[in-house]
């Protein structure tokens, strides 16, 4: 399991053990994390699972695909560390990952 911390815009933290093989989004949805709507179910066809990856973890979560970059155009307040959580596969190496949710997704 990988322990992932989801931090709401208001600072509320939810720490969840997510099974490797799931995505960061699936871990949130299965545990009712507020702000991760995942309207497309993880198909990289919406931006309702937008998160900000903690800068210390950017190298570990992998690179954005061209499709993910395109979908981020539909998200609000996109930053350098913006990702779609459906596109981050959970591995043991992500144990301790921290993601923050944008204000627009509360």
PDB file of N, CA and C in Angstrom:
ATOM      1  N   UNK A   1       0.834  -1.186   0.000  1.00  0.00           N
ATOM      2  CA  UNK A   1       0.000   0.000   0.000  1.00  0.00           C
ATOM      3  C   UNK A   1       0.877   1.247   0.000  1.00  0.00           C
ATOM      4  N   UNK A   2       0.340   2.299  -0.583  1.00  0.00           N
ATOM      5  CA  UNK A   2       1.018   3.596  -0.573  1.00  0.00           C
ATOM      6  C   UNK A   2       0.127   4.577   0.177  1.00  0.00           C
ATOM      7  N   UNK A   3       0.694   5.240   1.145  1.00  0.00           N
ATOM      8  CA  UNK A   3      -0.043   6.228   1.922  1.00  0.00           C
ATOM      9  C   UNK A   3      -0.016   7.541   1.139  1.00  0.00           C
ATOM     10  N   UNK A   4      -1.213   8.035   0.782  1.00  0.00           N
ATOM     11  CA  UNK A   4      -1.333   9.281   0.019  1.00  0.00           C
ATOM     12  C   UNK A   4      -2.118  10.278   0.846  1.00  0.00           C
ATOM     13  N   UNK A   5      -1.614  11.515   0.890  1.00  0.00           N
ATOM     14  CA  UNK A   5      -2.282  12.588   1.617  1.00  0.00           C
ATOM     15  C   UNK A   5      -2.936  13.523   0.612  1.00  0.00           C
ATOM     16  N   UNK A   6      -4.240  13.673   0.749  1.00  0.00           N
ATOM     17  CA  UNK A   6      -5.034  14.590  -0.075  1.00  0.00           C
ATOM     18  C   UNK A   6      -5.345  15.802   0.806  1.00  0.00           C
ATOM     19  N   UNK A   7      -4.972  16.991   0.362  1.00  0.00           N
ATOM     20  CA  UNK A   7      -5.179  18.194   1.164  1.00  0.00           C
ATOM     21  C   UNK A   7      -6.175  19.110   0.448  1.00  0.00           C
ATOM     22  N   UNK A   8      -7.288  19.372   1.114  1.00  0.00           N
ATOM     23  CA  UNK A   8      -8.310  20.274   0.580  1.00  0.00           C
ATOM     24  C   UNK A   8      -7.781  21.707   0.580  1.00  0.00           C
ATOM     25  N   UNK A   9      -8.416  22.582  -0.178  1.00  0.00           N
ATOM     26  CA  UNK A   9      -8.012  23.984  -0.241  1.00  0.00           C
ATOM     27  C   UNK A   9      -8.028  24.628   1.142  1.00  0.00           C
ATOM     28  N   UNK A  10      -8.949  24.180   2.004  1.00  0.00           N
ATOM     29  CA  UNK A  10      -9.059  24.769   3.347  1.00  0.00           C
ATOM     30  C   UNK A  10      -8.048  24.182   4.333  1.00  0.00           C
ATOM     31  N   UNK A  11      -7.191  23.261   3.863  1.00  0.00           N
ATOM     32  CA  UNK A  11      -6.159  22.677   4.715  1.00  0.00           C
ATOM     33  C   UNK A  11      -6.522  21.337   5.324  1.00  0.00           C
ATOM     34  N   UNK A  12      -7.766  20.906   5.175  1.00  0.00           N
ATOM     35  CA  UNK A  12      -8.188  19.613   5.710  1.00  0.00           C
ATOM     36  C   UNK A  12      -7.428  18.497   4.990  1.00  0.00           C
ATOM     37  N   UNK A  13      -6.822  17.621   5.771  1.00  0.00           N
ATOM     38  CA  UNK A  13      -6.048  16.512   5.207  1.00  0.00           C
ATOM     39  C   UNK A  13      -6.785  15.189   5.354  1.00  0.00           C
ATOM     40  N   UNK A  14      -6.722  14.378   4.322  1.00  0.00           N
ATOM     41  CA  UNK A  14      -7.227  13.018   4.361  1.00  0.00           C
ATOM     42  C   UNK A  14      -6.080  12.120   3.924  1.00  0.00           C
ATOM     43  N   UNK A  15      -5.700  11.186   4.782  1.00  0.00           N
ATOM     44  CA  UNK A  15      -4.612  10.264   4.473  1.00  0.00           C
ATOM     45  C   UNK A  15      -5.218   8.888   4.221  1.00  0.00           C
ATOM     46  N   UNK A  16      -4.872   8.318   3.068  1.00  0.00           N
ATOM     47  CA  UNK A  16      -5.474   7.053   2.648  1.00  0.00           C
ATOM     48  C   UNK A  16      -4.391   6.088   2.197  1.00  0.00           C
ATOM     49  N   UNK A  17      -4.544   4.827   2.550  1.00  0.00           N
ATOM     50  CA  UNK A  17      -3.699   3.769   2.009  1.00  0.00           C
ATOM     51  C   UNK A  17      -4.321   3.340   0.686  1.00  0.00           C
ATOM     52  N   UNK A  18      -3.568   3.523  -0.394  1.00  0.00           N
ATOM     53  CA  UNK A  18      -4.074   3.199  -1.726  1.00  0.00           C
ATOM     54  C   UNK A  18      -3.279   2.010  -2.281  1.00  0.00           C
ATOM     55  N   UNK A  19      -4.011   1.048  -2.793  1.00  0.00           N
ATOM     56  CA  UNK A  19      -3.422  -0.171  -3.337  1.00  0.00           C
ATOM     57  C   UNK A  19      -2.664   0.128  -4.635  1.00  0.00           C
ATOM     58  N   UNK A  20      -1.430  -0.333  -4.755  1.00  0.00           N
ATOM     59  CA  UNK A  20      -0.709  -0.180  -6.020  1.00  0.00           C
ATOM     60  C   UNK A  20      -1.523  -0.776  -7.166  1.00  0.00           C
ATOM     61  N   UNK A  21      -1.449  -0.099  -8.295  1.00  0.00           N
ATOM     62  CA  UNK A  21      -2.230  -0.518  -9.462  1.00  0.00           C
ATOM     63  C   UNK A  21      -3.432   0.370  -9.680  1.00  0.00           C
ATOM     64  N   UNK A  22      -3.921   0.997  -8.606  1.00  0.00           N
ATOM     65  CA  UNK A  22      -4.994   1.978  -8.749  1.00  0.00           C
ATOM     66  C   UNK A  22      -4.359   3.315  -9.123  1.00  0.00           C
ATOM     67  N   UNK A  23      -5.174   4.271  -9.499  1.00  0.00           N
ATOM     68  CA  UNK A  23      -4.662   5.623  -9.732  1.00  0.00           C
ATOM     69  C   UNK A  23      -4.889   6.449  -8.469  1.00  0.00           C
ATOM     70  N   UNK A  24      -4.228   7.583  -8.389  1.00  0.00           N
ATOM     71  CA  UNK A  24      -4.440   8.495  -7.264  1.00  0.00           C
ATOM     72  C   UNK A  24      -5.913   8.896  -7.215  1.00  0.00           C
ATOM     73  N   UNK A  25      -6.540   9.081  -8.370  1.00  0.00           N
ATOM     74  CA  UNK A  25      -7.970   9.410  -8.442  1.00  0.00           C
ATOM     75  C   UNK A  25      -8.829   8.277  -7.902  1.00  0.00           C
ATOM     76  N   UNK A  26      -8.541   7.041  -8.295  1.00  0.00           N
ATOM     77  CA  UNK A  26      -9.336   5.906  -7.819  1.00  0.00           C
ATOM     78  C   UNK A  26      -9.258   5.768  -6.303  1.00  0.00           C
ATOM     79  N   UNK A  27      -8.079   6.000  -5.743  1.00  0.00           N
ATOM     80  CA  UNK A  27      -7.937   5.967  -4.292  1.00  0.00           C
ATOM     81  C   UNK A  27      -8.826   6.996  -3.629  1.00  0.00           C
ATOM     82  N   UNK A  28      -8.910   8.182  -4.230  1.00  0.00           N
ATOM     83  CA  UNK A  28      -9.754   9.252  -3.681  1.00  0.00           C
ATOM     84  C   UNK A  28     -11.233   8.905  -3.807  1.00  0.00           C
ATOM     85  N   UNK A  29     -11.647   8.454  -4.970  1.00  0.00           N
ATOM     86  CA  UNK A  29     -13.056   8.142  -5.205  1.00  0.00           C
ATOM     87  C   UNK A  29     -13.524   7.000  -4.299  1.00  0.00           C
ATOM     88  N   UNK A  30     -12.725   5.953  -4.169  1.00  0.00           N
ATOM     89  CA  UNK A  30     -13.099   4.808  -3.336  1.00  0.00           C
ATOM     90  C   UNK A  30     -13.210   5.177  -1.861  1.00  0.00           C
ATOM     91  N   UNK A  31     -12.588   6.289  -1.487  1.00  0.00           N
ATOM     92  CA  UNK A  31     -12.595   6.716  -0.085  1.00  0.00           C
ATOM     93  C   UNK A  31     -13.323   8.035   0.123  1.00  0.00           C
ATOM     94  N   UNK A  32     -14.142   8.417  -0.858  1.00  0.00           N
ATOM     95  CA  UNK A  32     -15.002   9.603  -0.755  1.00  0.00           C
ATOM     96  C   UNK A  32     -14.256  10.890  -0.418  1.00  0.00           C
ATOM     97  N   UNK A  33     -13.106  11.098  -1.057  1.00  0.00           N
ATOM     98  CA  UNK A  33     -12.373  12.348  -0.861  1.00  0.00           C
ATOM     99  C   UNK A  33     -13.134  13.457  -1.576  1.00  0.00           C
ATOM    100  N   UNK A  34     -13.527  14.450  -0.810  1.00  0.00           N
ATOM    101  CA  UNK A  34     -14.278  15.587  -1.353  1.00  0.00           C
ATOM    102  C   UNK A  34     -13.401  16.349  -2.348  1.00  0.00           C
ATOM    103  N   UNK A  35     -13.972  16.674  -3.513  1.00  0.00           N
ATOM    104  CA  UNK A  35     -13.268  17.480  -4.503  1.00  0.00           C
ATOM    105  C   UNK A  35     -12.681  16.709  -5.665  1.00  0.00           C
ATOM    106  N   UNK A  36     -12.669  15.397  -5.573  1.00  0.00           N
ATOM    107  CA  UNK A  36     -12.230  14.568  -6.701  1.00  0.00           C
ATOM    108  C   UNK A  36     -13.498  13.943  -7.274  1.00  0.00           C
ATOM    109  N   UNK A  37     -14.073  14.602  -8.276  1.00  0.00           N
ATOM    110  CA  UNK A  37     -15.341  14.137  -8.846  1.00  0.00           C
ATOM    111  C   UNK A  37     -15.162  13.012  -9.852  1.00  0.00           C
ATOM    112  N   UNK A  38     -14.115  13.096 -10.674  1.00  0.00           N
ATOM    113  CA  UNK A  38     -13.822  12.044 -11.654  1.00  0.00           C
ATOM    114  C   UNK A  38     -15.021  11.750 -12.538  1.00  0.00           C
ATOM    115  N   UNK A  39     -15.590  12.784 -13.115  1.00  0.00           N
ATOM    116  CA  UNK A  39     -16.790  12.639 -13.944  1.00  0.00           C
ATOM    117  C   UNK A  39     -16.620  11.644 -15.089  1.00  0.00           C
ATOM    118  N   UNK A  40     -15.417  11.538 -15.654  1.00  0.00           N
ATOM    119  CA  UNK A  40     -15.211  10.628 -16.786  1.00  0.00           C
ATOM    120  C   UNK A  40     -14.788   9.231 -16.344  1.00  0.00           C
ATOM    121  N   UNK A  41     -14.646   9.017 -15.046  1.00  0.00           N
ATOM    122  CA  UNK A  41     -14.283   7.701 -14.535  1.00  0.00           C
ATOM    123  C   UNK A  41     -12.821   7.341 -14.707  1.00  0.00           C
ATOM    124  N   UNK A  42     -11.996   8.311 -15.028  1.00  0.00           N
ATOM    125  CA  UNK A  42     -10.565   8.042 -15.144  1.00  0.00           C
ATOM    126  C   UNK A  42     -10.073   7.867 -16.558  1.00  0.00           C
ATOM    127  N   UNK A  43     -10.855   8.324 -17.525  1.00  0.00           N
ATOM    128  CA  UNK A  43     -10.491   8.149 -18.930  1.00  0.00           C
ATOM    129  C   UNK A  43      -9.709   9.322 -19.510  1.00  0.00           C
ATOM    130  N   UNK A  44      -9.276  10.242 -18.657  1.00  0.00           N
ATOM    131  CA  UNK A  44      -8.548  11.438 -19.104  1.00  0.00           C
ATOM    132  C   UNK A  44      -9.386  12.223 -20.111  1.00  0.00           C
ATOM    133  N   UNK A  45     -10.690  12.328 -19.809  1.00  0.00           N
ATOM    134  CA  UNK A  45     -11.611  13.021 -20.709  1.00  0.00           C
ATOM    135  C   UNK A  45     -12.315  14.185 -20.021  1.00  0.00           C
ATOM    136  N   UNK A  46     -11.872  14.542 -18.831  1.00  0.00           N
ATOM    137  CA  UNK A  46     -12.398  15.719 -18.140  1.00  0.00           C
ATOM    138  C   UNK A  46     -11.264  16.245 -17.256  1.00  0.00           C
ATOM    139  N   UNK A  47     -11.514  17.213 -16.469  1.00  0.00           N
ATOM    140  CA  UNK A  47     -10.456  17.734 -15.582  1.00  0.00           C
ATOM    141  C   UNK A  47     -10.968  17.834 -14.144  1.00  0.00           C
ATOM    142  N   UNK A  48     -11.916  16.967 -13.793  1.00  0.00           N
ATOM    143  CA  UNK A  48     -12.531  17.070 -12.462  1.00  0.00           C
ATOM    144  C   UNK A  48     -11.755  16.294 -11.393  1.00  0.00           C
ATOM    145  N   UNK A  49     -10.559  15.834 -11.740  1.00  0.00           N
ATOM    146  CA  UNK A  49      -9.693  15.188 -10.754  1.00  0.00           C
ATOM    147  C   UNK A  49      -8.355  15.918 -10.659  1.00  0.00           C
ATOM    148  N   UNK A  50      -8.371  17.189 -11.052  1.00  0.00           N
ATOM    149  CA  UNK A  50      -7.176  18.038 -11.034  1.00  0.00           C
ATOM    150  C   UNK A  50      -6.608  18.133  -9.620  1.00  0.00           C
ATOM    151  N   UNK A  51      -5.307  17.947  -9.506  1.00  0.00           N
ATOM    152  CA  UNK A  51      -4.605  18.120  -8.230  1.00  0.00           C
ATOM    153  C   UNK A  51      -3.292  18.847  -8.481  1.00  0.00           C
ATOM    154  N   UNK A  52      -2.746  19.372  -7.394  1.00  0.00           N
ATOM    155  CA  UNK A  52      -1.404  19.942  -7.418  1.00  0.00           C
ATOM    156  C   UNK A  52      -0.501  18.963  -6.678  1.00  0.00           C
ATOM    157  N   UNK A  53       0.477  18.419  -7.377  1.00  0.00           N
ATOM    158  CA  UNK A  53       1.409  17.473  -6.770  1.00  0.00           C
ATOM    159  C   UNK A  53       2.446  18.262  -5.976  1.00  0.00           C
ATOM    160  N   UNK A  54       2.680  17.836  -4.738  1.00  0.00           N
ATOM    161  CA  UNK A  54       3.705  18.472  -3.921  1.00  0.00           C
ATOM    162  C   UNK A  54       5.016  18.474  -4.706  1.00  0.00           C
ATOM    163  N   UNK A  55       5.706  19.620  -4.763  1.00  0.00           N
ATOM    164  CA  UNK A  55       6.931  19.716  -5.567  1.00  0.00           C
ATOM    165  C   UNK A  55       7.966  18.629  -5.290  1.00  0.00           C
ATOM    166  N   UNK A  56       8.052  18.161  -4.070  1.00  0.00           N
ATOM    167  CA  UNK A  56       9.027  17.118  -3.736  1.00  0.00           C
ATOM    168  C   UNK A  56       8.729  15.793  -4.450  1.00  0.00           C
ATOM    169  N   UNK A  57       7.512  15.634  -4.945  1.00  0.00           N
ATOM    170  CA  UNK A  57       7.093  14.377  -5.565  1.00  0.00           C
ATOM    171  C   UNK A  57       7.016  14.444  -7.093  1.00  0.00           C
ATOM    172  N   UNK A  58       7.274  15.585  -7.684  1.00  0.00           N
ATOM    173  CA  UNK A  58       7.091  15.738  -9.131  1.00  0.00           C
ATOM    174  C   UNK A  58       7.890  14.726  -9.954  1.00  0.00           C
ATOM    175  N   UNK A  59       9.131  14.481  -9.587  1.00  0.00           N
ATOM    176  CA  UNK A  59       9.952  13.536 -10.349  1.00  0.00           C
ATOM    177  C   UNK A  59       9.459  12.102 -10.213  1.00  0.00           C
ATOM    178  N   UNK A  60       8.794  11.800  -9.111  1.00  0.00           N
ATOM    179  CA  UNK A  60       8.369  10.424  -8.845  1.00  0.00           C
ATOM    180  C   UNK A  60       7.044  10.053  -9.510  1.00  0.00           C
ATOM    181  N   UNK A  61       6.203  11.047  -9.840  1.00  0.00           N
ATOM    182  CA  UNK A  61       4.881  10.725 -10.410  1.00  0.00           C
ATOM    183  C   UNK A  61       4.913  10.561 -11.928  1.00  0.00           C
ATOM    184  N   UNK A  62       6.030  10.826 -12.552  1.00  0.00           N
ATOM    185  CA  UNK A  62       6.137  10.668 -13.996  1.00  0.00           C
ATOM    186  C   UNK A  62       5.721  11.927 -14.745  1.00  0.00           C
ATOM    187  N   UNK A  63       5.872  11.869 -16.040  1.00  0.00           N
ATOM    188  CA  UNK A  63       5.584  13.010 -16.908  1.00  0.00           C
ATOM    189  C   UNK A  63       4.131  13.004 -17.373  1.00  0.00           C
ATOM    190  N   UNK A  64       3.618  14.183 -17.693  1.00  0.00           N
ATOM    191  CA  UNK A  64       2.275  14.316 -18.259  1.00  0.00           C
ATOM    192  C   UNK A  64       2.306  13.871 -19.716  1.00  0.00           C
ATOM    193  N   UNK A  65       1.259  13.177 -20.115  1.00  0.00           N
ATOM    194  CA  UNK A  65       1.120  12.817 -21.529  1.00  0.00           C
ATOM    195  C   UNK A  65       0.563  14.024 -22.283  1.00  0.00           C
ATOM    196  N   UNK A  66       0.619  13.978 -23.593  1.00  0.00           N
ATOM    197  CA  UNK A  66       0.052  15.053 -24.410  1.00  0.00           C
ATOM    198  C   UNK A  66      -1.450  15.171 -24.164  1.00  0.00           C
ATOM    199  N   UNK A  67      -2.131  14.036 -23.999  1.00  0.00           N
ATOM    200  CA  UNK A  67      -3.572  14.057 -23.746  1.00  0.00           C
ATOM    201  C   UNK A  67      -3.872  14.737 -22.404  1.00  0.00           C
ATOM    202  N   UNK A  68      -3.083  14.412 -21.384  1.00  0.00           N
ATOM    203  CA  UNK A  68      -3.282  15.035 -20.074  1.00  0.00           C
ATOM    204  C   UNK A  68      -3.047  16.541 -20.153  1.00  0.00           C
ATOM    205  N   UNK A  69      -1.993  16.946 -20.855  1.00  0.00           N
ATOM    206  CA  UNK A  69      -1.723  18.387 -21.042  1.00  0.00           C
ATOM    207  C   UNK A  69      -2.933  19.071 -21.677  1.00  0.00           C
ATOM    208  N   UNK A  70      -3.533  18.434 -22.677  1.00  0.00           N
ATOM    209  CA  UNK A  70      -4.704  19.005 -23.354  1.00  0.00           C
ATOM    210  C   UNK A  70      -5.890  19.126 -22.405  1.00  0.00           C
ATOM    211  N   UNK A  71      -6.114  18.101 -21.596  1.00  0.00           N
ATOM    212  CA  UNK A  71      -7.247  18.135 -20.669  1.00  0.00           C
ATOM    213  C   UNK A  71      -7.038  19.169 -19.566  1.00  0.00           C
ATOM    214  N   UNK A  72      -5.816  19.422 -19.180  1.00  0.00           N
ATOM    215  CA  UNK A  72      -5.548  20.431 -18.153  1.00  0.00           C
ATOM    216  C   UNK A  72      -5.937  21.830 -18.625  1.00  0.00           C
ATOM    217  N   UNK A  73      -6.070  22.006 -19.942  1.00  0.00           N
ATOM    218  CA  UNK A  73      -6.543  23.294 -20.467  1.00  0.00           C
ATOM    219  C   UNK A  73      -7.953  23.604 -19.974  1.00  0.00           C
ATOM    220  N   UNK A  74      -8.691  22.579 -19.555  1.00  0.00           N
ATOM    221  CA  UNK A  74     -10.063  22.773 -19.080  1.00  0.00           C
ATOM    222  C   UNK A  74     -10.141  22.969 -17.565  1.00  0.00           C
ATOM    223  N   UNK A  75      -9.025  22.831 -16.889  1.00  0.00           N
ATOM    224  CA  UNK A  75      -8.986  23.002 -15.430  1.00  0.00           C
ATOM    225  C   UNK A  75      -8.725  24.471 -15.099  1.00  0.00           C
ATOM    226  N   UNK A  76      -9.155  24.861 -13.895  1.00  0.00           N
ATOM    227  CA  UNK A  76      -8.911  26.227 -13.428  1.00  0.00           C
ATOM    228  C   UNK A  76      -7.607  26.292 -12.659  1.00  0.00           C
ATOM    229  N   UNK A  77      -6.950  27.443 -12.724  1.00  0.00           N
ATOM    230  CA  UNK A  77      -5.746  27.717 -11.927  1.00  0.00           C
ATOM    231  C   UNK A  77      -4.651  26.677 -12.109  1.00  0.00           C
ATOM    232  N   UNK A  78      -4.383  26.306 -13.337  1.00  0.00           N
ATOM    233  CA  UNK A  78      -3.354  25.310 -13.624  1.00  0.00           C
ATOM    234  C   UNK A  78      -1.971  25.896 -13.307  1.00  0.00           C
ATOM    235  N   UNK A  79      -1.158  25.084 -12.646  1.00  0.00           N
ATOM    236  CA  UNK A  79       0.209  25.458 -12.271  1.00  0.00           C
ATOM    237  C   UNK A  79       1.180  24.436 -12.860  1.00  0.00           C
ATOM    238  N   UNK A  80       2.478  24.694 -12.681  1.00  0.00           N
ATOM    239  CA  UNK A  80       3.505  23.760 -13.154  1.00  0.00           C
ATOM    240  C   UNK A  80       3.309  22.351 -12.592  1.00  0.00           C
ATOM    241  N   UNK A  81       2.842  22.279 -11.346  1.00  0.00           N
ATOM    242  CA  UNK A  81       2.692  20.985 -10.680  1.00  0.00           C
ATOM    243  C   UNK A  81       1.273  20.421 -10.790  1.00  0.00           C
ATOM    244  N   UNK A  82       0.469  20.954 -11.702  1.00  0.00           N
ATOM    245  CA  UNK A  82      -0.883  20.440 -11.922  1.00  0.00           C
ATOM    246  C   UNK A  82      -0.833  19.091 -12.617  1.00  0.00           C
ATOM    247  N   UNK A  83      -1.675  18.175 -12.154  1.00  0.00           N
ATOM    248  CA  UNK A  83      -1.827  16.868 -12.780  1.00  0.00           C
ATOM    249  C   UNK A  83      -3.280  16.444 -12.690  1.00  0.00           C
ATOM    250  N   UNK A  84      -3.662  15.528 -13.551  1.00  0.00           N
ATOM    251  CA  UNK A  84      -4.944  14.858 -13.419  1.00  0.00           C
ATOM    252  C   UNK A  84      -4.655  13.596 -12.615  1.00  0.00           C
ATOM    253  N   UNK A  85      -5.320  13.469 -11.482  1.00  0.00           N
ATOM    254  CA  UNK A  85      -4.996  12.360 -10.588  1.00  0.00           C
ATOM    255  C   UNK A  85      -5.322  10.995 -11.194  1.00  0.00           C
ATOM    256  N   UNK A  86      -6.175  10.962 -12.213  1.00  0.00           N
ATOM    257  CA  UNK A  86      -6.464   9.692 -12.890  1.00  0.00           C
ATOM    258  C   UNK A  86      -5.272   9.213 -13.709  1.00  0.00           C
ATOM    259  N   UNK A  87      -4.318  10.090 -13.955  1.00  0.00           N
ATOM    260  CA  UNK A  87      -3.169   9.751 -14.788  1.00  0.00           C
ATOM    261  C   UNK A  87      -1.908   9.462 -13.968  1.00  0.00           C
ATOM    262  N   UNK A  88      -2.079   9.340 -12.656  1.00  0.00           N
ATOM    263  CA  UNK A  88      -0.940   9.013 -11.788  1.00  0.00           C
ATOM    264  C   UNK A  88      -1.173   7.621 -11.211  1.00  0.00           C
ATOM    265  N   UNK A  89      -0.506   6.603 -11.767  1.00  0.00           N
ATOM    266  CA  UNK A  89      -0.658   5.252 -11.230  1.00  0.00           C
ATOM    267  C   UNK A  89       0.063   5.126  -9.890  1.00  0.00           C
ATOM    268  N   UNK A  90      -0.592   4.496  -8.941  1.00  0.00           N
ATOM    269  CA  UNK A  90      -0.007   4.322  -7.615  1.00  0.00           C
ATOM    270  C   UNK A  90       0.951   3.135  -7.633  1.00  0.00           C
ATOM    271  N   UNK A  91       2.134   3.374  -7.086  1.00  0.00           N
ATOM    272  CA  UNK A  91       3.136   2.324  -6.889  1.00  0.00           C
ATOM    273  C   UNK A  91       3.642   2.463  -5.454  1.00  0.00           C
ATOM    274  N   UNK A  92       4.369   1.461  -4.998  1.00  0.00           N
ATOM    275  CA  UNK A  92       4.963   1.538  -3.658  1.00  0.00           C
ATOM    276  C   UNK A  92       5.886   2.748  -3.545  1.00  0.00           C
ATOM    277  N   UNK A  93       6.492   3.164  -4.661  1.00  0.00           N
ATOM    278  CA  UNK A  93       7.405   4.312  -4.663  1.00  0.00           C
ATOM    279  C   UNK A  93       6.687   5.620  -4.332  1.00  0.00           C
ATOM    280  N   UNK A  94       5.365   5.631  -4.432  1.00  0.00           N
ATOM    281  CA  UNK A  94       4.599   6.848  -4.126  1.00  0.00           C
ATOM    282  C   UNK A  94       4.114   6.877  -2.680  1.00  0.00           C
ATOM    283  N   UNK A  95       4.608   5.972  -1.840  1.00  0.00           N
ATOM    284  CA  UNK A  95       4.244   5.978  -0.424  1.00  0.00           C
ATOM    285  C   UNK A  95       4.683   7.307   0.191  1.00  0.00           C
ATOM    286  N   UNK A  96       3.716   8.083   0.676  1.00  0.00           N
ATOM    287  CA  UNK A  96       3.991   9.404   1.253  1.00  0.00           C
ATOM    288  C   UNK A  96       3.601  10.556   0.340  1.00  0.00           C
ATOM    289  N   UNK A  97       3.134  10.253  -0.867  1.00  0.00           N
ATOM    290  CA  UNK A  97       2.742  11.284  -1.828  1.00  0.00           C
ATOM    291  C   UNK A  97       1.755  12.272  -1.215  1.00  0.00           C
ATOM    292  N   UNK A  98       1.943  13.552  -1.541  1.00  0.00           N
ATOM    293  CA  UNK A  98       1.041  14.611  -1.086  1.00  0.00           C
ATOM    294  C   UNK A  98       0.489  15.324  -2.311  1.00  0.00           C
ATOM    295  N   UNK A  99      -0.843  15.420  -2.388  1.00  0.00           N
ATOM    296  CA  UNK A  99      -1.490  16.196  -3.447  1.00  0.00           C
ATOM    297  C   UNK A  99      -2.445  17.193  -2.802  1.00  0.00           C
ATOM    298  N   UNK A 100      -2.553  18.356  -3.416  1.00  0.00           N
ATOM    299  CA  UNK A 100      -3.462  19.397  -2.934  1.00  0.00           C
ATOM    300  C   UNK A 100      -4.560  19.613  -3.975  1.00  0.00           C
ATOM    301  N   UNK A 101      -5.766  19.878  -3.491  1.00  0.00           N
ATOM    302  CA  UNK A 101      -6.890  20.101  -4.387  1.00  0.00           C
ATOM    303  C   UNK A 101      -7.117  21.592  -4.570  1.00  0.00           C
ATOM    304  N   UNK A 102      -7.452  22.002  -5.788  1.00  0.00           N
ATOM    305  CA  UNK A 102      -7.677  23.419  -6.046  1.00  0.00           C
ATOM    306  C   UNK A 102      -8.966  23.915  -5.398  1.00  0.00           C
ATOM    307  N   UNK A 103      -9.028  25.203  -5.154  1.00  0.00           N
ATOM    308  CA  UNK A 103     -10.199  25.805  -4.531  1.00  0.00           C
ATOM    309  C   UNK A 103     -11.462  25.534  -5.349  1.00  0.00           C
ATOM    310  N   UNK A 104     -11.330  25.495  -6.667  1.00  0.00           N
ATOM    311  CA  UNK A 104     -12.494  25.300  -7.539  1.00  0.00           C
ATOM    312  C   UNK A 104     -13.146  23.940  -7.371  1.00  0.00           C
ATOM    313  N   UNK A 105     -12.493  22.997  -6.693  1.00  0.00           N
ATOM    314  CA  UNK A 105     -13.017  21.648  -6.527  1.00  0.00           C
ATOM    315  C   UNK A 105     -13.373  21.353  -5.068  1.00  0.00           C
ATOM    316  N   UNK A 106     -14.024  22.250  -4.400  1.00  0.00           N
ATOM    317  CA  UNK A 106     -14.362  21.976  -3.005  1.00  0.00           C
ATOM    318  C   UNK A 106     -15.805  21.621  -2.813  1.00  0.00           C
TER     319      UNK A 106
END
